[in-house]
């Protein structure tokens, strides 16, 4: 039996070990097998974060899994299911210490961290006093917040991949409405006829009065980069509708040529890639909900003024 709860980095090898049999397992199965592997006590299993909504062990197993997925040592073929990859097997066989330093040799992991200004710290580590002396408490909280949102952003995009293209088109409409365009689902946004949209996936009023309309294109790509030909085709579809404004949204990314193209045409076309899409969904509460809230308070100087 361990005396203290290991950090999420220390748990990384254990996550790989319980997946080493090659079977696809649910997160609960991974958690249960790790609890047995470490022989955690009932008191340790019941120890909660200050919020009271999650245990330390579940949080740390979850973060270990997230980082291993980003480094592609673990694959998630569908939501809530994990399996080890050949890279994960190689890591176990290497007998090296598997932690964030080890994972940093992989470009996918570094891209994940740098894209979100992410540091290898999580909410439970911060809450139990693990800290970098070079950081203020406010900086630690900000980094933890960025880490949480980075993981959530990737979950959102992965969830979109598992749903239909039709759902994605409606999601785009929902997001535009949440951002303040139009007025309501009934009178502001409408999805066009599926499979016969003529290159347009949605139309939304720019304002509540409907003085102008914005035309939408939504491409649910995983690895395919959206290039200039796609944007030119969208611009042509706007001509067919005599439209001047469009938004092209993808779950992947845009090529440099595509981004250069929209700066050289008269029409106003905004490009939103997967990273920005997820960020906008989080900011405007589309497909996400608030799990817990921490109020950071400061001294009210006015209260202490004497006459």
Protein backbone atom coordinates (compact mmCIF):
# COMPACT_ATOMS: atom_id res chain seq x y z
CA UNK A 1 0.00 0.00 0.00
CA UNK A 2 1.33 3.44 -0.93
CA UNK A 3 1.54 6.09 1.77
CA UNK A 4 0.85 9.10 -0.46
CA UNK A 5 -1.13 9.60 -3.64
CA UNK A 6 1.28 9.65 -6.61
CA UNK A 7 1.38 12.63 -8.93
CA UNK A 8 -0.27 12.35 -12.32
CA UNK A 9 3.18 12.03 -13.92
CA UNK A 10 4.06 9.12 -11.62
CA UNK A 11 0.78 7.43 -12.59
CA UNK A 12 1.57 7.55 -16.33
CA UNK A 13 3.45 4.19 -16.40
CA UNK A 14 0.64 2.56 -14.43
CA UNK A 15 -1.92 3.67 -17.03
CA UNK A 16 0.18 2.08 -19.75
CA UNK A 17 0.64 -1.10 -17.72
CA UNK A 18 -3.08 -1.70 -17.25
CA UNK A 19 -3.54 -1.24 -21.01
CA UNK A 20 -0.57 -3.42 -21.94
CA UNK A 21 -2.81 -6.49 -22.49
CA UNK A 22 -4.03 -4.85 -25.69
CA UNK A 23 -7.68 -4.72 -24.67
CA UNK A 24 -9.80 -1.63 -25.15
CA UNK A 25 -10.88 -0.43 -21.71
CA UNK A 26 -13.21 2.20 -20.31
CA UNK A 27 -11.80 4.95 -18.12
CA UNK A 28 -13.53 3.35 -15.14
CA UNK A 29 -11.78 0.06 -15.82
CA UNK A 30 -8.44 1.86 -16.05
CA UNK A 31 -9.13 3.67 -12.78
CA UNK A 32 -10.23 0.50 -10.98
CA UNK A 33 -7.19 -1.48 -12.12
CA UNK A 34 -4.80 1.31 -11.11
CA UNK A 35 -6.43 1.42 -7.68
CA UNK A 36 -5.71 -2.29 -7.33
CA UNK A 37 -2.19 -1.93 -8.72
CA UNK A 38 -1.28 0.69 -6.11
CA UNK A 39 -3.38 -0.94 -3.38
CA UNK A 40 -4.85 2.41 -2.43
CA UNK A 41 -6.62 2.53 0.92
CA UNK A 42 -10.30 3.43 1.26
CA UNK A 43 -9.22 6.75 2.77
CA UNK A 44 -7.04 7.54 -0.24
CA UNK A 45 -9.77 6.57 -2.69
CA UNK A 46 -12.19 8.88 -0.90
CA UNK A 47 -9.89 11.92 -0.67
CA UNK A 48 -11.51 14.76 -2.64
CA UNK A 49 -10.28 17.95 -4.22
CA UNK A 50 -11.26 21.14 -2.37
CA UNK A 51 -14.26 21.49 -4.70
CA UNK A 52 -15.58 18.19 -3.38
CA UNK A 53 -16.65 17.11 -6.87
CA UNK A 54 -13.81 14.75 -7.79
CA UNK A 55 -11.28 12.61 -5.99
CA UNK A 56 -7.56 13.24 -6.24
CA UNK A 57 -6.96 9.77 -7.66
CA UNK A 58 -9.58 10.07 -10.41
CA UNK A 59 -8.28 13.51 -11.31
CA UNK A 60 -4.69 12.34 -11.52
CA UNK A 61 -5.50 9.20 -13.49
CA UNK A 62 -7.54 11.37 -15.87
CA UNK A 63 -4.70 13.85 -16.40
CA UNK A 64 -2.17 11.04 -16.88
CA UNK A 65 -4.43 9.58 -19.55
CA UNK A 66 -4.87 12.98 -21.24
CA UNK A 67 -1.14 13.62 -21.54
CA UNK A 68 -0.46 10.09 -22.79
CA UNK A 69 -3.14 10.55 -25.44
CA UNK A 70 -1.57 13.84 -26.56
CA UNK A 71 1.80 12.10 -26.93
CA UNK A 72 0.03 9.26 -28.79
CA UNK A 73 1.08 6.55 -26.37
CA UNK A 74 -2.63 5.90 -25.90
CA UNK A 75 -5.39 5.99 -28.48
CA UNK A 76 -9.05 6.76 -27.83
CA UNK A 77 -11.01 5.09 -30.66
CA UNK A 78 -14.19 6.55 -29.19
CA UNK A 79 -15.18 8.65 -26.21
CA UNK A 80 -14.38 7.06 -22.87
CA UNK A 81 -12.43 4.14 -24.38
CA UNK A 82 -8.62 3.74 -24.21
CA UNK A 83 -6.11 1.41 -25.82
CA UNK A 84 -2.32 1.33 -25.88
CA UNK A 85 -0.50 2.19 -29.12
CA UNK A 86 2.76 0.74 -30.50
CA UNK A 87 4.47 3.90 -29.23
CA UNK A 88 3.10 3.19 -25.76
CA UNK A 89 4.43 -0.37 -25.87
CA UNK A 90 7.84 0.94 -26.90
CA UNK A 91 7.78 3.34 -23.95
CA UNK A 92 7.07 0.54 -21.49
CA UNK A 93 9.74 -1.69 -23.04
CA UNK A 94 12.35 1.09 -22.84
CA UNK A 95 12.40 0.98 -19.03
CA UNK A 96 12.79 4.77 -19.06
CA UNK A 97 10.96 7.04 -16.64
CA UNK A 98 7.72 7.99 -18.37
CA UNK A 99 6.81 11.55 -17.46
CA UNK A 100 6.41 14.92 -19.16
CA UNK A 101 10.13 15.08 -19.94
CA UNK A 102 9.86 11.73 -21.71
CA UNK A 103 6.74 12.81 -23.60
CA UNK A 104 8.42 16.02 -24.76
CA UNK A 105 10.37 14.04 -27.39
CA UNK A 106 7.14 13.76 -29.40
CA UNK A 107 6.05 16.66 -31.60
CA UNK A 108 2.32 16.03 -31.03
CA UNK A 109 2.76 16.47 -27.28
CA UNK A 110 4.83 19.63 -27.67
CA UNK A 111 2.31 21.07 -30.12
CA UNK A 112 -0.46 20.45 -27.60
CA UNK A 113 1.41 22.21 -24.81
CA UNK A 114 2.71 25.14 -26.85
CA UNK A 115 -0.63 25.75 -28.57
CA UNK A 116 -2.27 26.48 -25.24
CA UNK A 117 0.71 27.90 -23.36
CA UNK A 118 0.35 24.78 -21.25
CA UNK A 119 2.52 23.80 -18.31
CA UNK A 120 2.64 20.28 -16.86
CA UNK A 121 0.49 21.10 -13.86
CA UNK A 122 -3.06 20.20 -12.96
CA UNK A 123 -5.68 21.43 -10.57
CA UNK A 124 -5.15 18.82 -7.88
CA UNK A 125 -1.37 19.29 -7.86
CA UNK A 126 -1.82 23.02 -7.35
CA UNK A 127 -4.41 22.48 -4.61
CA UNK A 128 -2.11 20.30 -2.48
CA UNK A 129 0.75 22.75 -2.56
CA UNK A 130 2.85 21.62 -5.54
CA UNK A 131 4.27 24.84 -6.89
CA UNK A 132 6.98 26.46 -8.93
CA UNK A 133 8.71 29.10 -6.77
CA UNK A 134 9.11 31.28 -9.86
CA UNK A 135 5.33 31.56 -10.17
CA UNK A 136 2.89 33.64 -8.19
CA UNK A 137 -0.34 31.96 -7.01
CA UNK A 138 -2.23 33.92 -9.68
CA UNK A 139 0.10 32.60 -12.38
CA UNK A 140 -0.33 29.06 -11.09
CA UNK A 141 -4.11 29.40 -11.26
CA UNK A 142 -3.93 30.87 -14.76
CA UNK A 143 -1.75 28.00 -15.98
CA UNK A 144 -4.04 25.43 -14.40
CA UNK A 145 -7.01 27.14 -16.08
CA UNK A 146 -5.22 27.00 -19.45
CA UNK A 147 -4.48 23.31 -18.94
CA UNK A 148 -8.11 22.53 -18.22
CA UNK A 149 -9.34 24.44 -21.26
CA UNK A 150 -6.69 22.85 -23.49
CA UNK A 151 -7.88 19.38 -22.54
CA UNK A 152 -11.52 20.42 -22.92
CA UNK A 153 -10.87 21.88 -26.39
CA UNK A 154 -9.46 18.59 -27.62
CA UNK A 155 -12.40 16.70 -26.11
CA UNK A 156 -14.80 18.97 -27.97
CA UNK A 157 -13.15 18.42 -31.35
CA UNK A 158 -12.94 14.66 -30.75
CA UNK A 159 -16.64 14.59 -29.86
CA UNK A 160 -17.48 16.46 -33.08
CA UNK A 161 -15.61 13.80 -35.09
CA UNK A 162 -17.87 11.14 -33.59
CA UNK A 163 -21.08 12.85 -34.68
CA UNK A 164 -22.70 13.33 -38.08
CA UNK A 165 -21.83 16.12 -40.55
CA UNK A 166 -25.43 17.30 -40.17
CA UNK A 167 -24.93 17.74 -36.42
CA UNK A 168 -21.77 19.75 -37.09
CA UNK A 169 -23.65 22.09 -39.42
CA UNK A 170 -26.26 22.72 -36.70
CA UNK A 171 -23.48 23.24 -34.15
CA UNK A 172 -22.07 26.00 -36.33
CA UNK A 173 -25.48 27.70 -36.41
CA UNK A 174 -25.77 27.35 -32.62
CA UNK A 175 -22.34 28.90 -32.14
CA UNK A 176 -23.10 31.89 -34.36
CA UNK A 177 -26.33 32.50 -32.45
CA UNK A 178 -24.49 32.23 -29.15
CA UNK A 179 -22.01 34.83 -30.40
CA UNK A 180 -24.84 37.30 -30.86
CA UNK A 181 -25.69 37.03 -34.55
CA UNK A 182 -29.39 37.01 -35.40
CA UNK A 183 -31.94 36.60 -32.64
CA UNK A 184 -33.19 33.05 -32.15
CA UNK A 185 -33.20 29.60 -33.70
CA UNK A 186 -36.62 30.33 -35.17
CA UNK A 187 -35.99 33.59 -36.99
CA UNK A 188 -32.21 34.02 -37.21
CA UNK A 189 -30.46 30.84 -38.16
CA UNK A 190 -31.37 28.06 -40.55
CA UNK A 191 -29.49 25.06 -41.87
CA UNK A 192 -29.75 24.65 -45.62
CA UNK A 193 -31.10 21.53 -47.31
CA UNK A 194 -28.58 18.78 -46.58
CA UNK A 195 -26.81 17.24 -49.60
CA UNK A 196 -28.12 19.94 -51.92
CA UNK A 197 -26.73 23.06 -50.30
CA UNK A 198 -24.76 24.34 -53.30
CA UNK A 199 -21.66 24.84 -51.17
CA UNK A 200 -23.52 26.63 -48.37
CA UNK A 201 -24.14 24.84 -45.07
CA UNK A 202 -25.97 27.57 -43.22
CA UNK A 203 -27.31 31.09 -43.38
CA UNK A 204 -27.62 33.40 -40.41
CA UNK A 205 -28.76 36.99 -40.06
CA UNK A 206 -25.97 39.39 -39.17
CA UNK A 207 -28.26 41.27 -36.80
CA UNK A 208 -31.70 40.92 -35.27
CA UNK A 209 -33.26 43.08 -37.99
CA UNK A 210 -31.82 40.91 -40.75
CA UNK A 211 -30.23 43.81 -42.62
CA UNK A 212 -27.58 41.43 -43.96
CA UNK A 213 -26.89 37.71 -43.98
CA UNK A 214 -23.78 35.67 -43.33
CA UNK A 215 -23.29 32.42 -45.26
CA UNK A 216 -21.59 29.48 -43.58
CA UNK A 217 -19.52 26.52 -44.72
CA UNK A 218 -18.64 23.76 -42.26
CA UNK A 219 -16.07 21.03 -42.97
CA UNK A 220 -15.57 18.29 -40.39
CA UNK A 221 -12.04 17.17 -41.26
CA UNK A 222 -9.64 15.30 -38.98
CA UNK A 223 -6.29 15.50 -40.76
CA UNK A 224 -7.11 17.19 -44.07
CA UNK A 225 -5.90 20.78 -44.34
CA UNK A 226 -8.38 23.13 -46.02
CA UNK A 227 -6.60 24.64 -49.02
CA UNK A 228 -7.13 27.55 -51.37
CA UNK A 229 -9.35 25.58 -53.82
CA UNK A 230 -11.89 24.97 -51.03
CA UNK A 231 -12.02 28.66 -50.18
CA UNK A 232 -12.29 29.63 -53.85
CA UNK A 233 -15.22 27.24 -54.23
CA UNK A 234 -16.88 28.82 -51.19
CA UNK A 235 -16.35 32.27 -52.64
CA UNK A 236 -18.00 31.06 -55.85
CA UNK A 237 -20.98 29.78 -53.84
CA UNK A 238 -21.30 33.23 -52.27
CA UNK A 239 -21.46 34.73 -55.80
CA UNK A 240 -24.37 32.41 -56.63
CA UNK A 241 -26.26 33.81 -53.65
CA UNK A 242 -25.13 37.39 -54.27
CA UNK A 243 -23.61 37.31 -50.80
CA UNK A 244 -20.74 39.45 -49.56
CA UNK A 245 -19.94 37.83 -46.22
CA UNK A 246 -19.08 34.28 -45.28
CA UNK A 247 -17.58 32.19 -42.49
CA UNK A 248 -15.72 28.96 -43.26
CA UNK A 249 -15.34 26.72 -40.21
CA UNK A 250 -13.33 23.50 -40.04
CA UNK A 251 -12.24 21.11 -37.30
CA UNK A 252 -8.79 20.89 -38.92
CA UNK A 253 -6.68 23.79 -40.20
CA UNK A 254 -6.20 26.12 -43.17
CA UNK A 255 -3.20 26.29 -45.46
CA UNK A 256 -1.17 29.49 -45.78
CA UNK A 257 -2.44 29.84 -49.36
CA UNK A 258 -6.03 29.68 -48.16
CA UNK A 259 -5.46 32.39 -45.56
CA UNK A 260 -3.62 34.57 -48.08
CA UNK A 261 -6.46 34.19 -50.58
CA UNK A 262 -9.13 35.67 -48.29
CA UNK A 263 -7.02 38.79 -47.79
CA UNK A 264 -6.94 39.48 -51.51
CA UNK A 265 -10.61 39.28 -52.42
CA UNK A 266 -13.36 41.84 -52.09
CA UNK A 267 -15.69 39.52 -50.18
CA UNK A 268 -15.29 39.28 -46.44
CA UNK A 269 -14.59 35.63 -45.57
CA UNK A 270 -13.58 34.69 -42.03
CA UNK A 271 -11.69 31.41 -41.48
CA UNK A 272 -12.12 29.56 -38.18
CA UNK A 273 -9.95 26.47 -37.63
CA UNK A 274 -10.41 23.70 -35.09
CA UNK A 275 -8.42 25.41 -32.36
CA UNK A 276 -10.40 28.64 -32.62
CA UNK A 277 -13.68 26.74 -32.98
CA UNK A 278 -13.14 24.93 -29.68
CA UNK A 279 -12.08 28.16 -27.97
CA UNK A 280 -15.23 29.94 -29.16
CA UNK A 281 -17.42 27.05 -28.00
CA UNK A 282 -15.89 27.27 -24.53
CA UNK A 283 -16.20 31.05 -24.29
CA UNK A 284 -19.81 31.07 -25.52
CA UNK A 285 -20.92 27.91 -23.67
CA UNK A 286 -21.83 25.80 -26.68
CA UNK A 287 -21.58 22.09 -25.85
CA UNK A 288 -19.98 22.77 -22.46
CA UNK A 289 -21.23 23.34 -18.94
CA UNK A 290 -19.65 24.77 -15.80
CA UNK A 291 -18.48 22.03 -13.45
CA UNK A 292 -17.19 24.22 -10.66
CA UNK A 293 -16.42 27.87 -10.00
CA UNK A 294 -13.66 29.39 -7.89
CA UNK A 295 -14.20 32.98 -6.75
CA UNK A 296 -10.89 34.83 -6.42
CA UNK A 297 -11.49 37.66 -3.95
CA UNK A 298 -9.47 40.76 -3.16
CA UNK A 299 -9.55 43.36 -0.45
CA UNK A 300 -12.37 45.91 -0.68
CA UNK A 301 -10.52 49.11 0.18
CA UNK A 302 -13.71 51.20 0.23
CA UNK A 303 -15.12 49.11 3.07
CA UNK A 304 -12.26 50.04 5.38
CA UNK A 305 -12.45 53.82 4.86
CA UNK A 306 -13.27 55.76 8.01
CA UNK A 307 -15.09 59.08 8.08
